[in-house]
Protein backbone atom coordinates (compact mmCIF):
# COMPACT_ATOMS: atom_id res chain seq x y z
CA MET A 1 0.09 0.22 -0.21
CA ASN A 2 1.63 3.37 -1.45
CA THR A 3 0.18 6.10 1.20
CA THR A 4 3.14 8.29 1.26
CA PRO A 5 1.96 11.47 -0.55
CA TYR A 6 -1.44 11.57 1.49
CA ILE A 7 0.35 10.69 4.68
CA ALA A 8 2.91 13.56 4.25
CA GLU A 9 -0.97 15.85 3.33
CA THR A 10 -2.21 14.83 6.79
CA GLN A 11 0.88 15.55 8.81
CA ALA A 12 1.27 19.31 6.93
CA PHE A 13 -0.84 21.35 9.40
CA GLU A 14 -0.94 21.70 12.89
CA ILE A 15 -3.47 23.60 15.40
CA SER A 16 -1.00 26.27 17.04
CA ASN A 17 -1.21 26.20 20.66
CA SER A 18 -4.49 27.03 22.76
CA ALA A 19 -3.08 30.21 24.47
CA SER A 20 -2.38 31.77 20.91
CA LEU A 21 -5.93 30.81 19.46
CA GLU A 22 -7.75 32.23 22.54
CA THR A 23 -5.82 35.27 21.97
CA LEU A 24 -6.63 35.38 18.23
CA ILE A 25 -10.53 34.69 19.17
CA ARG A 26 -10.62 37.48 21.67
CA GLU A 27 -9.07 40.08 19.40
CA LEU A 28 -11.60 39.25 16.55
CA LEU A 29 -14.47 39.51 19.04
CA TYR A 30 -13.08 43.28 20.21
CA ARG A 31 -12.77 43.97 16.09
CA LEU A 32 -16.08 42.62 15.62
CA GLY A 33 -17.52 45.52 18.18
CA GLU A 34 -18.19 43.24 21.35
CA ASP A 35 -17.09 42.90 24.54
CA PRO A 36 -14.80 39.94 25.31
CA ASP A 37 -14.97 40.63 29.00
CA ARG A 38 -19.05 40.43 29.15
CA GLU A 39 -20.19 37.67 30.71
CA GLY A 40 -22.03 35.70 27.62
CA LEU A 41 -18.33 35.60 25.68
CA GLU A 42 -16.01 35.56 28.88
CA LYS A 43 -14.97 31.98 28.25
CA THR A 44 -15.99 32.18 24.38
CA PRO A 45 -12.30 32.69 23.22
CA GLN A 46 -11.07 29.27 25.34
CA ARG A 47 -14.29 27.34 23.68
CA VAL A 48 -13.43 28.30 20.29
CA ALA A 49 -9.57 27.25 21.00
CA ARG A 50 -10.67 23.88 22.09
CA MET A 51 -13.32 23.50 19.32
CA TYR A 52 -11.00 24.12 16.17
CA PRO A 53 -8.35 21.16 16.97
CA GLU A 54 -11.51 18.79 17.04
CA ILE A 55 -13.50 20.04 13.98
CA LEU A 56 -10.20 20.29 11.91
CA ALA A 57 -8.98 17.16 13.38
CA GLY A 58 -8.62 15.73 9.82
CA TYR A 59 -5.10 17.42 9.25
CA GLN A 60 -3.96 15.29 12.22
CA THR A 61 -4.90 11.97 10.88
CA ASN A 62 -2.50 9.38 9.93
CA LEU A 63 -3.69 7.37 6.84
CA GLU A 64 -1.42 4.31 7.60
CA THR A 65 -3.05 4.26 10.94
CA LEU A 66 -6.47 5.38 10.00
CA VAL A 67 -6.38 1.94 7.75
CA ASN A 68 -4.27 -0.33 10.39
CA GLY A 69 -4.01 -3.30 8.44
CA ALA A 70 -7.56 -3.70 7.78
CA VAL A 71 -7.04 -4.73 3.73
CA PHE A 72 -8.15 -8.24 3.45
CA HIS A 73 -7.76 -10.32 0.78
CA THR A 74 -10.93 -11.60 -1.52
CA SER A 75 -12.25 -13.29 -4.84
CA ASN A 76 -15.40 -10.83 -4.72
CA ARG A 77 -15.39 -8.82 -7.48
CA ASP A 78 -18.95 -7.41 -7.19
CA MET A 79 -19.89 -3.36 -6.32
CA ILE A 80 -19.23 -2.51 -2.70
CA LEU A 81 -21.65 0.42 -1.82
CA VAL A 82 -21.31 2.30 1.55
CA ARG A 83 -23.72 5.16 1.26
CA GLU A 84 -25.17 7.88 3.60
CA ILE A 85 -21.93 9.04 5.02
CA GLN A 86 -22.64 11.85 7.06
CA PHE A 87 -20.11 14.39 7.54
CA TYR A 88 -19.34 17.92 8.74
CA SER A 89 -16.53 20.44 7.23
CA MET A 90 -15.54 23.97 6.86
CA CYS A 91 -15.57 25.85 3.66
CA GLU A 92 -12.04 27.32 3.37
CA HIS A 93 -13.32 30.47 1.57
CA HIS A 94 -15.63 31.74 4.24
CA LEU A 95 -14.61 29.69 7.70
CA LEU A 96 -18.40 28.82 7.41
CA PRO A 97 -19.79 24.69 8.14
CA PHE A 98 -20.96 22.73 4.87
CA PHE A 99 -22.46 19.45 5.44
CA GLY A 100 -24.13 16.44 4.21
CA LYS A 101 -23.65 12.91 2.70
CA ALA A 102 -21.58 11.07 0.88
CA HIS A 103 -21.90 7.84 -1.09
CA VAL A 104 -18.35 5.66 -1.81
CA ALA A 105 -18.26 2.49 -3.89
CA TYR A 106 -15.61 0.55 -5.07
CA ILE A 107 -15.20 -2.92 -7.39
CA PRO A 108 -12.46 -5.11 -5.74
CA ASP A 109 -9.87 -6.33 -7.96
CA GLY A 110 -8.52 -8.82 -5.27
CA ARG A 111 -8.52 -6.59 -2.03
CA ILE A 112 -11.43 -5.02 0.18
CA ILE A 113 -10.80 -2.49 3.30
CA GLY A 114 -12.85 -2.90 6.58
CA LEU A 115 -16.36 -1.22 6.56
CA SER A 116 -15.93 0.96 9.15
CA LYS A 117 -12.42 2.66 7.29
CA ILE A 118 -14.38 4.26 4.41
CA PRO A 119 -16.37 6.11 6.66
CA ARG A 120 -13.30 7.10 8.74
CA LEU A 121 -11.74 8.24 5.40
CA VAL A 122 -14.50 10.70 4.28
CA GLU A 123 -14.03 12.23 8.05
CA MET A 124 -10.39 12.61 7.29
CA TYR A 125 -10.81 14.61 4.38
CA ALA A 126 -14.05 16.50 5.80
CA ARG A 127 -12.63 17.83 9.07
CA ARG A 128 -10.28 20.33 7.22
CA LEU A 129 -10.69 23.74 5.55
CA GLN A 130 -12.31 22.28 2.39
CA VAL A 131 -14.19 22.77 -1.15
CA GLN A 132 -16.39 19.95 -1.57
CA GLU A 133 -14.92 19.41 -4.96
CA ARG A 134 -11.77 18.53 -3.95
CA MET A 135 -12.78 16.57 -0.81
CA THR A 136 -14.61 14.47 -3.36
CA HIS A 137 -11.65 13.76 -5.14
CA GLN A 138 -9.22 13.19 -2.29
CA ILE A 139 -11.57 10.33 -1.11
CA ALA A 140 -11.63 8.81 -4.31
CA GLU A 141 -8.02 8.75 -5.03
CA THR A 142 -6.93 7.94 -1.85
CA LEU A 143 -9.38 4.54 -1.82
CA GLN A 144 -7.97 3.91 -5.37
CA SER A 145 -4.03 4.32 -3.76
CA ILE A 146 -4.74 1.69 -1.03
CA LEU A 147 -6.84 -1.03 -2.85
CA GLN A 148 -6.09 -0.52 -6.77
CA PRO A 149 -9.56 -1.53 -7.23
CA ARG A 150 -11.15 -1.72 -10.76
CA GLY A 151 -13.11 1.58 -10.02
CA VAL A 152 -13.81 3.67 -7.35
CA ALA A 153 -17.43 5.99 -7.22
CA VAL A 154 -17.76 8.95 -4.42
CA TRP A 155 -21.04 11.04 -5.04
CA VAL A 156 -21.35 13.77 -2.12
CA GLU A 157 -24.33 16.08 -1.53
CA ALA A 158 -23.99 19.19 0.66
CA SER A 159 -25.47 22.11 2.00
CA HIS A 160 -23.40 25.07 2.11
CA LEU A 161 -23.58 27.62 4.78
CA CYS A 162 -21.79 30.16 2.89
CA ALA A 163 -24.93 29.88 0.18
CA LYS A 164 -27.47 30.18 2.68
CA MET A 165 -26.60 32.50 5.54
CA ARG A 166 -24.87 35.11 2.90
CA GLY A 167 -24.31 36.16 -0.44
CA VAL A 168 -27.01 34.94 -2.59
CA ARG A 169 -28.71 33.56 0.28
CA GLN A 170 -30.45 30.33 -1.25
CA ASN A 171 -31.78 28.34 1.17
CA GLU A 172 -32.24 25.33 -1.14
CA ALA A 173 -29.07 25.25 -3.22
CA ASP A 174 -26.95 22.40 -2.24
CA LEU A 175 -23.98 21.18 -3.88
CA THR A 176 -23.58 17.68 -5.83
CA THR A 177 -20.17 16.43 -6.43
CA GLY A 178 -18.61 13.51 -7.91
CA CYS A 179 -15.28 11.12 -8.96
CA MET A 180 -15.37 8.34 -11.33
CA LEU A 181 -12.30 6.67 -11.33
CA GLY A 182 -11.36 3.26 -13.49
CA ALA A 183 -14.47 1.29 -14.47
CA PHE A 184 -16.85 3.75 -13.39
CA GLU A 185 -15.59 6.11 -15.53
CA GLU A 186 -15.00 3.47 -18.68
CA ASP A 187 -17.97 1.41 -18.13
CA SER A 188 -21.40 3.47 -18.39
CA THR A 189 -23.52 0.37 -17.28
CA LEU A 190 -21.50 0.11 -13.92
CA ARG A 191 -22.09 4.10 -13.43
CA ASN A 192 -25.29 3.67 -14.06
CA ASP A 193 -26.08 0.63 -11.69
CA PHE A 194 -24.22 3.29 -8.95
CA PHE A 195 -26.78 5.84 -9.42
CA GLN A 196 -29.78 3.24 -9.29
CA ARG A 197 -28.67 1.93 -6.51
CA LEU A 198 -28.45 5.29 -4.57
CA LYS A 199 -32.32 5.85 -5.79
CA LEU A 200 -33.63 3.02 -4.78
CA ARG A 201 -32.27 4.01 -1.37
CA SER A 202 -33.51 7.27 -1.68
CA ALA A 203 -36.83 5.83 -2.82
CA LYS A 204 -37.28 3.55 0.23
CA LEU A 205 -36.76 6.67 2.65
CA GLU A 206 -39.48 8.45 1.05
CA TYR A 207 -41.90 5.43 1.06
């Protein structure tokens, strides 16, 4: 398993120490016209300083540790699909949340990965300053790197508060992104099967 470029990327950023973050948040509150010493805001800098390492924890995740050897040999060559993976991320343009669901499929070529590792992989890339388009490709390309399967498909649907709270203020506007690799890119029948499985799941939820 060649994970070197992805491991390097996850180690490229470290949250600053808590005291520095507290100072920055206190200054931000002051510049926004607030009184950082009033009762409701008195402990806000400390709370935010504790929050950011949690919601941006993906920078600290080591891919090799995440996989932890959970790659197994198989003769199965049928589609494996993990649907409805819920995630929360932060838009790198406005530092506002975006959140939704990811659907990840692959066609094995001799190897499969432990079920829990796919949601953890989504989480690793979601818990960073992100754009949805890049996150979608990172998930697909990393799974391809780990397993070298016949194909990988990733479909992500998300709501972005930067489009709902500010700017165009479109409450119903959501973003859908996809990445198809290998057999999913080359075989329209396989690609249609992937989308049909997602539609069937949606129909069951609405019924």
